[in-house]
């Protein structure tokens, strides 16, 4: 095939299966741009050597999946209005709507991702065995073994063309596990429901067969391909240990992951050297007459200069000094602005930069409405209100009635029940008063109430213009009691809540922080609010009304969520994490702006600035003086920040960029957002369900199924190879036992949802039939076969409302291929479903009186949409319809990272130490304290992503001693000799990988507990029960903070990791090895179990992978569980409190390594009130 060497590549987003190289719910397909054709190609810098070999695929015409190496500047176009001079070149034509809207967003991107995977596909050497990979994987693995991050003999490089320094690449070293603990979460009748992952194939459909041998009867997952396991080598756990994550066999694609993010707005070259060989033993080959595309001659010239420099042998070995002589193929790409956007918005809030108008348009001010009062006239004379009127705008917890009423509210709202009352009384014993209110904040996603799932930022970051609206933020503020040692104004912790939560969720942490003399403020993130059932909300209103606090009830229940599914209830967080990735990106960035704003407002509490009339006397009080004593309750000069889960993610970013923050403690946050989505049960519905849906499927109805009583979307754990329990045994159906329930599956926020379409008899939907589902709007057809019980499943790309047609054929395998879905001549048509055939007897509540089933008929129902029986069958929800465990889905996830990069904590980690941070006025910001705390075995925000953030921040060293000399640009990732020796001559990163901490799947039983873990060893004081299986499946504890107090005898290093270093980097001119040793003195002197501890000065930066339960957890064991002298939540909250209250200087297991366990039962002397509550 010949190529037009001067053609441009357009990233189109085709519709077929549908998102080939999808950047998100879109496929980035590469189509040749005819308008770029010229007759004469410029000369290249090095000709491609003659001879055979595996050839890089550069084929814009390939169908159904065009293929070029990505990311690639050939797929961009010049644009002088772009900050990089480039924009991604995307065709604007596409269906469904989710794809069309994504295309528009892609055209605005000014480059590619800084943390996205990098890949290239290869054509097998001529005459090679088609069953063998195009590349020699053994040779590649020998040059890049697991855990080896030495550069000189690497076969591939990704080189920064500004600095000449390569980036670290991961290819199967265990840092990025793809395996998942719950593979059955992705819809009914799923042929991959027991796969180890969602991206790569693990089953064999025809050992030794090639694609030319394709036969329909072999295709058990109906994807049009003879699948072979994407595995390599041997493994104790097949499909897990041997899963090949760095090479996709089906497409012969090499996949490279940046270990730490690349720089923004920077040009990089991907270099395939002649060390990279194909299965024929020869170097890989360029697809062009030269070793590069002629349009990239200039950047490749800079690459040549870098490789001509002999002094770079520390990085490039014997390639240094040879120029392009050993380059087999290279291409270049430019990264987009990633951190700059949020920095410009931060500066604007402080009156600087292109968005400076934000400072005056949104004055820094808290609005604190009256809390006291009743709804009845004359309430002011009510004796029960007299006490409330003394402090009408605050909740005075010194008032016993207010304290008890608030305690009742928290007990009923907290989910722990009455068992938590004693704990909460102690936790709140340190609090003086509570303030609830609002503040104005700029909003950049259009109308905050818009039902548009594709809403996103529309801003010009060069001149500060765009669609800027106003939204009401909502906050809770908890103020501690004063003591002789700690008085107003108190230091403040800014708290970030979790997905689906609200600002009210802070109460437990607020109590712990109050014990250590800090106030806590929390805000509702966009689309969030108090998320409780209507019965509980009503009860809370009654409780507060009885305390003469009726207005407070209104304030408490305010927030920023809206009813997204039409049932009349607010849906907190429904559209926060979605496959509408531009919206997801900007949901996160909007949250960061809100955190900047609340920090800015606290900065006005300087003892001079006036705020509201908090006391109700008609005179404006000092800003922040909520109790009216003449002193601001909060100190304005500095804040600390922490958050949990989604709040951990957001505070990782805000803590890095906010110049007013002195210390940060993100809990169960993570970096690498697209490493969360494919492995997390938390967003399996909100993100992945809409990625693989709409799904048309059938399930057999079994005897004993519930009658048709209404709507259900409650997920349960499936006991069978198929997830029937989600869709039949526990769900409702109008079908009779023996029939097949034909349904359409989607998502209801972070829950499952479906609609029953028809009830078919076994002769209509039986074994060995063929099913074609056609989108009559896009004219796309997908097909599948039925199983022995009639079960089938088809995902198809559609916009909500697209007409669908479901046609059965009574002929087995009635098509030529399950990919093309072309009917064979003579196929016998059977049952056809073109309309909604099955109604419901009891409908899910609809708040809109206009959305009711017409009188005299019955309707099918999906969320708040009703479809009268007999009306045309339509897609009930927009989705991508991607096939799981496919190259399409792998590309979607990989390229989606480029979209999400500006909202990904991984890209802000460098600001903690590697990169300088400047305040809005240009002042260099001192380094911050940082305590990063992922949890062991977290399957919501996967542990591996918490480790990735720690690694990118320099908290988890992955290079051995001496690397600080060999690779001076990466000195901070080296391990001090003394620690390397104590960990068995391993880096901390390798200790974690070798003990499967990034994987974190307990049922694989990688690290069984010791002999002290047994059911007979249960303690009466610990309500957590465990079994022999629990002991067998206990996860590894790398930090071992409980030091044997926990009853599970979990495996741990002889010398626990407990990673920490000084926040300040090397001094100017300091020897790198000396600087490394000095930096880690807090950990070296604070050696676990020792009598001495760290007693030096300076802020600390630390990483703690926290063990909570033997099977792992996301949020700990709950506040009501207390096992002997160790409670996980107590220890964690008290540890964070101490760290933040000292500005990141006291990490208690380092400063007191022999006595830090006092945090586990709160007996430490610096914890006030707990053991003697006032």
Foldseek 3Di string as FASTA:
>chain_A
DDDQLQWAWAQEFAFALGAQLALFLGHGATATDPVRGDDDFDDFPFFFDDDWFKAWDQANPDPPGHFDWPDFCSQWDADPLAPLRIAGHYDQDDDDPLHNLVRVVRRPFRFFAQFFKTKIAIDAIPPDDLQDFFFDVVLQCVQVPALDFQAARHQKFKAFLVVLATFTKDFPNQLQFFFFQFQQLFDFPQPCRPQRFWAADQDALDPPDHQVPDDPVSCPRLAQGGDDGCFDDDDPDRNGRGHGPQAHRVRSMGIIGGLFTDDASTKIKMFRFQSTGTPVRGRYAYPDRGQERSVCRVSLVSVLVSQLAQVLCLRHPPSRNVRCPGTRHMGMTHHGDFQVQLLQLLLCCVQFDLNVCVVVVFPLFWDFDFQFAAPDPPRCPPPLRVVCLQQGRKQFCVPVLSVVLVLVLCQLQVPPHPLCSVVLCLLCLFFGIKTKTKGKAKDAQAPLPDLDLLGAGAASRNRNDGDIDIDIKIKMKTFGDADPVAAPQFAEAEEEEAAQAARVNCSNLQSLLSLLGYMYMYIGQAQAARADDPVSLVVSCVSSNVSRRNVVSVRRRDHHFDPNLFQPGTGRNLSCDASSLNSVLRSLSSRLSVVSSNLVSLLQQDLPDWHDPSSPPPDTARRQCNSPPSHRNHHNQAHAYEYAHSRLFSCLQSVLFRLRYFAYEYEQYFFQVLSQQRHFLQCCARYVNQAQDQKKKKDAAAPPWDAQDEFDFDDDRAPDSTRVCRPTRVTYDNEDHQWIFIKTWHHRRRITWIWTQDTGHCVQQAAQKKKWKAQPVVRHIAIDGAHHSSIDMFHGAHAFFGFMKIWIWPHHPQAPGRSRRHGDPPTHTGDIRFFRADFGDDYRRGPDPVQDDDPPFGFIDTRSHTGTHPHTDTRRHGHSNNRINDSSVVSNSSSNSRSNSSSGSSNSLCSQAPDWHARSVGHTRDHHFYEQEYAFLANRSQQSRSVSSCQNNLQFASAEPPVCVSPVSPLSSYDAPVVCVLQVNGGRVVVCSVQSRRVRAQQVQSWAADPQAAQVNDDPQFPDGDHNSLRSRFGEAQACLVVPLDRNRTHYRPFHCFTKFASYFDDVPDDSNVRNVNRRVQPVQLTAPDAAADDDDGAMYHYGHHYAGRSMYRPHDDPSGAGDQAGPVQLVSNQVSVCVSVSRTDRPCRRGNNPSSCSRNVPDPSRPCSVPRD
